[in-house]
Protein backbone atom coordinates (compact mmCIF):
# COMPACT_ATOMS: atom_id res chain seq x y z
CA UNK A 1 0.06 0.00 -0.10
CA UNK A 2 1.38 3.42 -0.98
CA UNK A 3 1.24 6.29 1.44
CA UNK A 4 1.56 9.95 1.32
CA UNK A 5 2.61 12.08 4.24
CA UNK A 6 2.20 15.73 5.27
CA UNK A 7 4.30 17.72 7.72
CA UNK A 8 2.24 20.71 8.06
CA UNK A 9 3.51 24.25 8.64
CA UNK A 10 2.31 27.80 8.61
CA UNK A 11 3.56 28.70 5.19
CA UNK A 12 4.84 25.36 3.76
CA UNK A 13 4.00 21.83 3.97
CA UNK A 14 6.53 19.02 3.54
CA UNK A 15 5.13 16.02 1.44
CA UNK A 16 6.81 12.52 1.40
CA UNK A 17 5.78 9.28 -0.36
CA UNK A 18 6.26 5.60 0.54
CA UNK A 19 7.40 2.91 -1.69
CA UNK A 20 4.65 1.22 -3.60
CA UNK A 21 4.77 -1.73 -0.97
CA UNK A 22 4.74 0.72 2.03
CA UNK A 23 8.09 -0.15 3.29
CA UNK A 24 10.18 3.06 3.17
CA UNK A 25 9.51 6.73 2.84
CA UNK A 26 11.35 9.37 0.79
CA UNK A 27 10.90 13.13 0.69
CA UNK A 28 8.82 14.29 -2.21
CA UNK A 29 8.24 17.99 -2.48
CA UNK A 30 7.16 21.13 -0.37
CA UNK A 31 3.81 22.79 -0.97
CA UNK A 32 3.60 26.64 -0.50
CA UNK A 33 0.34 27.91 0.90
CA UNK A 34 -1.56 30.50 3.06
CA UNK A 35 -2.19 30.25 6.76
CA UNK A 36 -5.00 27.98 6.26
CA UNK A 37 -2.70 25.13 5.17
CA UNK A 38 -2.92 23.00 1.86
CA UNK A 39 -6.26 22.77 0.40
CA UNK A 40 -8.18 19.47 0.19
CA UNK A 41 -8.12 19.74 -3.54
CA UNK A 42 -4.13 19.95 -3.42
CA UNK A 43 -4.08 16.86 -1.21
CA UNK A 44 -6.54 15.00 -3.24
CA UNK A 45 -4.53 15.76 -6.43
CA UNK A 46 -1.42 14.48 -4.78
CA UNK A 47 -3.01 11.31 -3.71
CA UNK A 48 -4.36 10.71 -7.18
CA UNK A 49 -1.10 11.72 -8.95
CA UNK A 50 0.94 9.18 -6.77
CA UNK A 51 -1.65 6.50 -6.59
CA UNK A 52 -1.60 6.68 -2.77
CA UNK A 53 -4.26 4.69 -0.72
CA UNK A 54 -3.20 6.23 2.55
CA UNK A 55 -2.41 9.53 4.07
CA UNK A 56 -0.37 10.07 7.22
CA UNK A 57 -0.49 13.59 8.62
CA UNK A 58 1.90 14.71 11.26
CA UNK A 59 0.12 15.55 14.61
CA UNK A 60 2.31 18.11 16.42
CA UNK A 61 2.06 17.62 20.21
CA UNK A 62 3.96 19.11 23.00
CA UNK A 63 6.89 17.13 24.30
CA UNK A 64 4.67 16.16 27.32
CA UNK A 65 2.12 14.68 24.72
CA UNK A 66 -0.61 17.31 25.35
CA UNK A 67 -2.30 19.15 22.29
CA UNK A 68 -0.89 22.52 21.29
CA UNK A 69 -2.15 25.28 19.01
CA UNK A 70 -0.40 23.49 16.12
CA UNK A 71 -2.25 20.28 17.02
CA UNK A 72 -5.62 21.94 16.52
CA UNK A 73 -4.38 23.52 13.14
CA UNK A 74 -3.30 19.96 12.00
CA UNK A 75 -6.63 18.43 13.08
CA UNK A 76 -8.42 21.13 11.24
CA UNK A 77 -6.64 20.48 8.07
CA UNK A 78 -7.04 16.60 8.45
CA UNK A 79 -10.82 17.03 8.92
CA UNK A 80 -11.10 19.22 5.91
CA UNK A 81 -9.42 16.68 3.78
CA UNK A 82 -11.27 13.84 5.31
CA UNK A 83 -14.50 15.51 4.80
CA UNK A 84 -13.65 16.49 1.23
CA UNK A 85 -12.62 12.97 0.45
CA UNK A 86 -15.64 11.49 2.14
CA UNK A 87 -13.58 9.20 4.50
CA UNK A 88 -12.77 9.27 8.31
CA UNK A 89 -9.74 9.93 10.38
CA UNK A 90 -7.72 7.63 12.67
CA UNK A 91 -6.44 9.38 15.79
CA UNK A 92 -3.73 7.89 17.99
CA UNK A 93 -5.30 6.31 20.98
CA UNK A 94 -3.33 8.38 23.44
CA UNK A 95 -4.83 11.70 22.38
CA UNK A 96 -8.23 10.67 20.84
CA UNK A 97 -10.19 11.71 23.89
CA UNK A 98 -8.28 15.17 24.09
CA UNK A 99 -8.76 16.23 20.41
CA UNK A 100 -12.34 15.19 19.53
CA UNK A 101 -13.54 18.76 20.19
CA UNK A 102 -12.24 21.93 19.46
CA UNK A 103 -12.42 22.12 15.51
CA UNK A 104 -15.47 23.70 14.03
CA UNK A 105 -14.18 24.35 10.56
CA UNK A 106 -15.32 21.63 7.95
CA UNK A 107 -16.31 21.52 4.39
CA UNK A 108 -19.52 19.87 3.12
CA UNK A 109 -19.08 16.06 3.57
CA UNK A 110 -18.23 14.36 0.32
CA UNK A 111 -17.77 17.59 -1.75
CA UNK A 112 -14.65 16.20 -3.51
CA UNK A 113 -14.30 13.12 -5.50
CA UNK A 114 -15.40 10.00 -3.39
CA UNK A 115 -12.22 8.33 -2.24
CA UNK A 116 -13.52 6.27 0.54
CA UNK A 117 -10.66 3.77 0.04
CA UNK A 118 -8.16 6.45 1.34
CA UNK A 119 -7.13 5.98 4.92
CA UNK A 120 -6.21 9.03 6.79
CA UNK A 121 -3.99 8.81 9.91
CA UNK A 122 -2.91 11.42 12.16
CA UNK A 123 0.58 10.37 13.65
CA UNK A 124 2.56 11.87 16.40
CA UNK A 125 5.41 13.93 14.72
CA UNK A 126 7.40 14.98 17.92
CA UNK A 127 10.98 15.63 17.10
CA UNK A 128 10.56 14.87 13.40
CA UNK A 129 11.98 18.11 12.29
CA UNK A 130 14.99 17.61 14.61
CA UNK A 131 15.38 14.14 13.23
CA UNK A 132 15.28 15.31 9.66
CA UNK A 133 17.71 18.04 10.29
CA UNK A 134 20.26 15.50 11.60
CA UNK A 135 19.94 13.63 8.18
CA UNK A 136 20.81 16.82 6.15
CA UNK A 137 24.08 18.30 5.75
CA UNK A 138 24.63 21.92 6.50
CA UNK A 139 24.20 23.56 3.18
CA UNK A 140 25.99 26.91 3.65
CA UNK A 141 28.00 28.93 6.22
CA UNK A 142 25.94 31.03 8.29
CA UNK A 143 26.93 34.24 10.34
CA UNK A 144 27.34 34.06 14.05
CA UNK A 145 23.83 33.68 15.66
CA UNK A 146 21.99 33.18 12.41
CA UNK A 147 19.67 30.25 12.27
CA UNK A 148 18.42 29.08 8.93
CA UNK A 149 16.08 26.09 8.25
CA UNK A 150 16.81 24.32 4.98
CA UNK A 151 13.85 24.71 2.68
CA UNK A 152 13.99 21.03 1.94
CA UNK A 153 13.92 20.11 5.60
CA UNK A 154 10.06 20.09 5.58
CA UNK A 155 9.87 17.22 3.09
CA UNK A 156 12.46 15.38 4.95
CA UNK A 157 10.55 15.78 8.22
CA UNK A 158 7.48 14.47 6.44
CA UNK A 159 9.49 11.37 5.35
CA UNK A 160 10.57 10.94 9.06
CA UNK A 161 6.90 11.01 10.10
CA UNK A 162 5.75 8.45 7.47
CA UNK A 163 8.84 6.19 8.16
CA UNK A 164 7.75 6.22 11.87
CA UNK A 165 4.26 5.17 11.00
CA UNK A 166 5.28 2.57 8.45
CA UNK A 167 7.79 0.96 11.02
CA UNK A 168 4.84 0.75 13.54
CA UNK A 169 2.88 -1.47 11.12
CA UNK A 170 3.11 -5.23 11.09
CA UNK A 171 5.20 -6.28 8.29
CA UNK A 172 2.41 -8.16 6.47
CA UNK A 173 0.17 -5.19 6.71
CA UNK A 174 2.66 -2.69 5.39
CA UNK A 175 3.08 -4.77 2.26
CA UNK A 176 -0.44 -5.91 1.84
CA UNK A 177 -2.66 -3.30 -0.01
CA UNK A 178 -5.87 -5.20 0.83
CA UNK A 179 -5.35 -4.97 4.69
CA UNK A 180 -7.06 -2.45 6.92
CA UNK A 181 -4.85 0.62 7.05
CA UNK A 182 -5.85 1.63 10.57
CA UNK A 183 -3.41 2.56 13.27
CA UNK A 184 -1.24 -0.50 14.57
CA UNK A 185 -2.65 -1.88 17.68
CA UNK A 186 -6.33 -1.11 16.81
């Protein structure tokens, strides 16, 4: 089963793609967008273009595991995409009770093309950007005190999130496109 992954940001979203059998993740591209995040139409186009049957969206939690302002943003984007595609979301058990409420923005259910076979999973993304940064070489010298985030880091962070999810799946599930794509342990 092929998966697409999103690492949502305020201005950019990193996108990664799994191998066709769903065993490893690679950075794909970076979407530029406004403060509302990528549109459901953009996400649906990417799913179609890459023949992905699953979507993993990074869920930013605080280091203590509690929801943050970014958590609500990610959940809002995920709900808009799920509503547009006419499918449901899978939340990690550890936070499902904490994030069920608090998001009111949704689009009309099923307003996009029917893609009920697309699984959408929100996945804990803590430290994914840090992990991705450790994988990338420093691209250019910086002046003292200047911090710069490489632009391609967003797509690498999406790949780290996706790889974490793929690694959590039982081996036979990650390679079997007919299996239930829910969260491991459900």
